[in-house]
Protein backbone atom coordinates (compact mmCIF):
# COMPACT_ATOMS: atom_id res chain seq x y z
CA MET A 1 0.00 0.00 0.00
CA ILE A 2 2.89 2.36 0.78
CA GLU A 3 4.35 1.80 -2.70
CA LYS A 4 0.98 2.57 -4.30
CA LEU A 5 0.62 5.76 -2.24
CA LEU A 6 4.14 6.83 -3.24
CA ILE A 7 3.30 6.35 -6.93
CA ILE A 8 0.14 8.41 -6.53
CA CYS A 9 2.07 11.19 -4.78
CA VAL A 10 4.69 11.28 -7.56
CA PHE A 11 2.02 11.61 -10.24
CA VAL A 12 0.09 14.24 -8.27
CA GLY A 13 3.32 16.18 -7.75
CA ILE A 14 4.03 16.10 -11.50
CA ILE A 15 0.49 17.27 -12.29
CA HIS A 16 0.68 20.26 -9.97
CA MET A 17 4.23 21.09 -11.04
CA ILE A 18 3.17 21.30 -14.70
CA GLU A 19 0.06 23.30 -13.86
CA THR A 20 2.23 25.74 -11.91
CA LEU A 21 4.66 26.04 -14.82
CA ALA A 22 1.69 26.90 -17.04
CA TYR A 23 1.66 30.38 -15.48
CA SER A 24 5.13 31.03 -16.91
CA VAL A 25 4.31 30.03 -20.49
CA ARG A 26 3.19 33.58 -21.21
CA LEU A 27 6.52 34.86 -19.89
CA ALA A 28 8.34 32.69 -22.43
CA GLY A 29 5.94 33.87 -25.13
CA LEU A 30 6.64 37.50 -24.25
CA LYS A 31 10.38 36.88 -24.18
CA THR A 32 10.37 35.42 -27.70
CA ARG A 33 7.45 37.54 -28.97
CA LYS A 34 5.86 34.23 -30.05
CA LEU A 35 2.98 33.89 -27.61
CA VAL A 36 0.72 31.70 -29.78
CA VAL A 37 3.58 29.31 -30.55
CA ALA A 38 4.42 29.13 -26.84
CA LEU A 39 0.86 28.25 -25.87
CA SER A 40 0.66 25.64 -28.63
CA LEU A 41 3.98 24.04 -27.69
CA PHE A 42 3.02 23.88 -24.01
CA ASN A 43 0.06 21.69 -24.95
CA ILE A 44 2.59 18.93 -25.66
CA ILE A 45 3.80 19.19 -22.07
CA VAL A 46 0.22 19.19 -20.81
CA ILE A 47 -0.18 15.72 -22.32
CA VAL A 48 2.27 14.50 -19.65
CA SER A 49 0.02 15.98 -16.96
CA ARG A 50 -3.10 14.41 -18.46
CA THR A 51 -1.38 11.02 -18.70
CA ALA A 52 -0.25 11.24 -15.08
CA ASN A 53 -3.82 12.09 -14.07
CA MET A 54 -5.23 9.09 -15.95
CA VAL A 55 -2.79 6.79 -14.15
CA GLN A 56 -3.20 8.15 -10.63
CA ALA A 57 -7.02 8.44 -10.69
CA PRO A 58 -7.81 4.69 -10.55
CA LEU A 59 -4.97 4.13 -8.08
CA THR A 60 -6.45 6.78 -5.79
CA GLY A 61 -9.86 5.15 -6.14
CA LYS A 62 -8.40 1.88 -4.92
CA LEU A 63 -7.47 3.58 -1.65
CA GLY A 64 -11.18 4.06 -1.03
CA ASP A 65 -11.92 0.47 -2.03
CA ALA A 66 -9.56 -0.70 0.73
CA VAL A 67 -11.83 0.80 3.40
CA GLN A 68 -13.85 -2.07 4.85
CA SER A 69 -15.07 -0.47 8.09
CA LYS A 70 -15.14 2.79 10.02
CA GLU A 71 -11.87 1.77 11.68
CA ASP A 72 -10.11 2.14 8.31
CA LEU A 73 -11.19 5.77 7.86
CA PRO A 74 -8.25 7.34 9.78
CA VAL A 75 -5.81 5.46 7.54
CA LEU A 76 -7.59 6.71 4.41
CA LEU A 77 -7.66 10.26 5.76
CA HIS A 78 -3.92 10.15 6.40
CA GLN A 79 -3.32 8.87 2.86
CA LEU A 80 -5.42 11.65 1.33
CA GLN A 81 -3.60 14.27 3.40
CA THR A 82 -0.30 12.86 2.14
CA ILE A 83 -1.53 13.21 -1.44
CA LEU A 84 -2.47 16.84 -0.78
CA LEU A 85 1.01 17.40 0.65
CA ALA A 86 2.42 16.06 -2.60
CA ALA A 87 0.30 18.64 -4.45
CA SER A 88 1.89 21.42 -2.39
CA ILE A 89 5.38 20.03 -2.96
CA GLY A 90 4.73 19.80 -6.70
CA THR A 91 3.56 23.43 -6.71
CA ILE A 92 6.72 24.54 -4.88
CA ALA A 93 8.88 22.56 -7.33
CA GLY A 94 7.11 24.22 -10.25
CA ALA A 95 7.64 27.67 -8.72
CA LEU A 96 11.37 27.02 -8.26
CA LEU A 97 11.69 25.78 -11.85
CA ILE A 98 9.99 28.81 -13.43
CA PRO A 99 13.21 30.79 -14.19
CA SER A 100 14.84 27.75 -15.84
CA PHE A 101 11.62 26.79 -17.59
CA VAL A 102 11.20 30.22 -19.16
CA SER A 103 14.76 30.15 -20.47
CA ILE A 104 14.65 26.56 -21.78
CA PHE A 105 11.13 26.87 -23.15
CA SER A 106 12.14 30.03 -25.05
CA ARG A 107 14.89 28.02 -26.73
CA MET A 108 12.40 25.26 -27.58
CA ILE A 109 10.19 27.83 -29.31
CA SER A 110 13.17 28.91 -31.44
CA HIS A 111 13.97 25.28 -32.28
CA LEU A 112 10.35 24.67 -33.26
CA GLU A 113 10.41 27.58 -35.70
CA VAL A 114 13.55 26.18 -37.35
CA ALA A 115 12.34 22.56 -37.43
CA GLY A 116 8.80 23.37 -38.53
CA SER A 117 7.19 20.52 -36.59
CA VAL A 118 7.28 19.04 -33.11
CA PRO A 119 8.69 15.60 -34.15
CA LYS A 120 11.58 17.25 -36.03
CA MET A 121 12.21 19.60 -33.13
CA MET A 122 12.36 16.69 -30.67
CA LYS A 123 14.80 14.90 -32.97
CA ASN A 124 17.04 17.96 -33.18
CA ILE A 125 17.13 18.73 -29.45
CA ALA A 126 17.65 15.08 -28.48
CA SER A 127 21.33 15.23 -29.43
CA ILE A 128 23.92 15.12 -26.66
CA HIS A 129 25.42 18.43 -27.84
CA THR A 130 22.08 20.22 -27.56
CA LEU A 131 21.36 18.72 -24.14
CA GLU A 132 24.76 19.84 -22.89
CA LYS A 133 24.05 23.38 -24.11
CA ALA A 134 20.74 23.29 -22.22
CA LYS A 135 22.67 23.33 -18.93
CA LYS A 136 23.52 26.98 -19.59
CA HIS A 137 19.82 27.86 -19.46
CA VAL A 138 19.26 26.35 -16.01
CA LYS A 139 18.82 29.23 -13.57
CA ARG A 140 18.74 29.09 -9.82
CA PRO A 141 15.80 30.94 -8.22
CA ARG A 142 16.97 33.98 -6.26
CA TRP A 143 15.54 35.47 -3.08
CA ILE A 144 15.38 38.85 -4.81
CA MET A 145 12.53 37.45 -6.94
CA LEU A 146 10.43 36.99 -3.80
CA SER A 147 11.40 40.39 -2.39
CA GLN A 148 10.13 42.06 -5.56
CA LEU A 149 6.66 40.52 -5.22
CA ARG A 150 4.01 42.91 -3.97
CA ILE A 151 0.25 42.46 -4.08
CA GLY A 152 -0.07 46.11 -5.01
CA GLY A 153 -1.07 46.39 -8.67
CA VAL A 154 -2.45 42.84 -8.82
CA PRO A 155 -6.22 42.67 -8.23
CA LYS A 156 -6.84 41.04 -4.85
CA ARG A 157 -10.08 39.57 -6.19
CA LEU A 158 -8.07 37.80 -8.90
CA LEU A 159 -5.77 36.21 -6.32
CA LEU A 160 -8.72 35.20 -4.15
CA LEU A 161 -10.53 33.61 -7.10
CA ASN A 162 -7.37 31.77 -8.12
CA LEU A 163 -6.93 30.53 -4.54
CA MET A 164 -10.56 29.37 -4.37
CA ALA A 165 -10.41 27.61 -7.76
CA THR A 166 -7.15 25.87 -6.85
CA THR A 167 -8.56 24.77 -3.48
CA ILE A 168 -11.71 23.34 -5.06
CA TYR A 169 -9.79 21.64 -7.87
CA THR A 170 -7.20 20.15 -5.50
CA VAL A 171 -9.60 18.87 -2.85
CA GLY A 172 -12.61 18.05 -5.06
CA VAL A 173 -11.93 14.45 -6.06
CA LEU A 174 -10.29 13.51 -2.75
CA SER A 175 -13.11 14.93 -0.65
CA THR A 176 -15.72 13.06 -2.71
CA LEU A 177 -13.71 9.87 -2.29
CA TYR A 178 -13.61 10.34 1.47
CA ALA A 179 -17.31 11.25 1.53
CA SER A 180 -18.16 8.04 -0.34
CA THR A 181 -16.58 6.02 2.48
CA LEU A 182 -18.53 8.01 5.09
CA GLU A 183 -21.82 7.18 3.34
CA PRO A 184 -21.27 3.83 1.55
CA THR A 185 -24.94 3.57 0.54
CA LEU A 186 -24.62 6.81 -1.46
CA SER A 187 -21.12 6.18 -2.79
CA LYS A 188 -22.07 6.18 -6.47
CA SER A 189 -23.99 9.47 -6.37
CA ILE A 190 -21.24 11.06 -4.26
CA LEU A 191 -18.46 10.00 -6.64
CA MET A 192 -20.45 11.29 -9.62
CA SER A 193 -20.59 14.74 -8.00
CA SER A 194 -16.80 15.18 -8.33
CA GLY A 195 -17.22 16.26 -11.95
CA LEU A 196 -19.57 19.06 -10.90
CA ILE A 197 -17.18 20.25 -8.19
CA ASN A 198 -14.16 20.34 -10.52
CA GLY A 199 -16.34 21.95 -13.16
CA LEU A 200 -16.96 24.90 -10.85
CA ALA A 201 -13.21 25.33 -10.41
CA MET A 202 -12.58 25.20 -14.16
CA ILE A 203 -15.34 27.75 -14.82
CA THR A 204 -13.83 30.11 -12.24
CA LEU A 205 -10.41 29.85 -13.87
CA ALA A 206 -11.74 30.18 -17.41
CA VAL A 207 -14.14 33.07 -16.76
CA PHE A 208 -12.40 35.16 -14.10
CA VAL A 209 -8.68 34.32 -13.91
CA ASP A 210 -7.38 33.48 -17.40
CA PRO A 211 -8.96 36.51 -19.15
CA GLN A 212 -7.27 38.88 -16.67
CA VAL A 213 -3.88 37.30 -17.35
CA ALA A 214 -4.53 37.39 -21.10
CA ILE A 215 -5.42 41.10 -20.99
CA LEU A 216 -2.24 41.96 -19.12
CA THR A 217 -0.21 39.86 -21.58
CA GLU A 218 -1.64 41.80 -24.50
CA LYS A 219 -0.85 45.09 -22.77
CA VAL A 220 2.76 44.04 -22.27
CA MET A 221 3.08 42.98 -25.92
CA LYS A 222 1.70 46.35 -27.04
CA GLY A 223 4.05 48.21 -24.71
CA GLU A 224 1.17 49.54 -22.59
CA SER A 225 2.50 47.72 -19.52
CA THR A 226 5.89 46.45 -18.31
CA LYS A 227 7.26 42.92 -18.14
CA GLN A 228 7.81 43.50 -14.42
CA SER A 229 4.03 43.74 -13.97
CA MET A 230 3.63 40.39 -15.74
CA ASN A 231 6.36 38.84 -13.59
CA LYS A 232 4.59 40.16 -10.49
CA MET A 233 1.24 38.73 -11.56
CA VAL A 234 2.73 35.32 -12.34
CA GLY A 235 4.57 35.29 -8.99
CA THR A 236 1.50 36.24 -6.96
CA LEU A 237 -0.68 33.74 -8.83
CA VAL A 238 1.81 30.98 -8.03
CA ILE A 239 1.78 31.97 -4.35
CA SER A 240 -2.04 32.02 -4.30
CA ARG A 241 -2.01 28.60 -5.95
CA LEU A 242 0.30 27.26 -3.23
CA CYS A 243 -2.01 28.72 -0.59
CA GLY A 244 -4.88 26.95 -2.33
CA THR A 245 -3.21 23.56 -1.94
CA VAL A 246 -2.68 24.32 1.77
CA CYS A 247 -6.33 25.34 2.16
CA ALA A 248 -7.27 22.02 0.55
CA GLN A 249 -5.70 20.26 3.55
CA ILE A 250 -7.92 22.25 5.91
CA LEU A 251 -11.11 21.75 3.89
CA LEU A 252 -10.68 18.04 3.11
CA VAL A 253 -12.87 16.74 5.95
CA PRO A 254 -15.41 19.63 6.05
CA ALA A 255 -15.87 19.37 2.28
CA ALA A 256 -16.39 15.60 2.52
CA LEU A 257 -19.00 16.02 5.26
CA TYR A 258 -20.77 18.73 3.24
CA ILE A 259 -20.81 16.61 0.06
CA ALA A 260 -22.14 13.61 1.98
CA TRP A 261 -24.84 15.78 3.57
CA ILE A 262 -25.92 17.27 0.22
CA CYS A 263 -26.13 13.87 -1.47
CA LYS A 264 -28.04 12.48 1.49
CA LEU A 265 -30.41 15.42 1.33
CA ILE A 266 -31.26 14.99 -2.36
CA SER A 267 -31.49 11.18 -2.25
């Protein structure tokens, strides 16, 4: 069981690391002045995240299947909390990798333009010489980056919405899984509600968060705003995302009890 939990944590960490790096894609696009190419190329990396999610989802479900009685609930709760910790660690790893990612991803955009297609680009950059040159683009995160972050200038409502969406997205599936073990007779209806919960998070991100970031990106490209303002927004969004994964730890049990109560009410 420990090995299975470790595998789940690794996949969850990868998922949240990639989703954190997604904030910096626009920085690479601004750096190369090839924003559309950057967003398109990042979709290839997103496939890794989707694959990891497909693998870890049934494994996580098996943790709930292992619960045979109420005495097993504390063990399941501890496992779910460990998974949420992995989400926070993955977010921190993504944040630390942002400087290197922007530099390396900018080079990948240039290689893609020369190659003309993703398969040819992958063939070109797979050489030992190219990989050795990539070491020069690895950048260590500096404390000065954190000292430059200020909430001033970044809408507080945007950060709050991003925090809420991240919290719901992170805790949604796990809380429904825990709720299904609290009310075994309603397990199917409870598990089906996870799609609705995650849907609310996706709607919040798509309607309120992403458009704000897109507007600022356009302003920077037109010279109406500075790159420093974009760096500040990306940094504060990453911090709010990390806070969201921490809030998910706090809301895991209350959310599960609420979901179980709602499903019991409508049954």
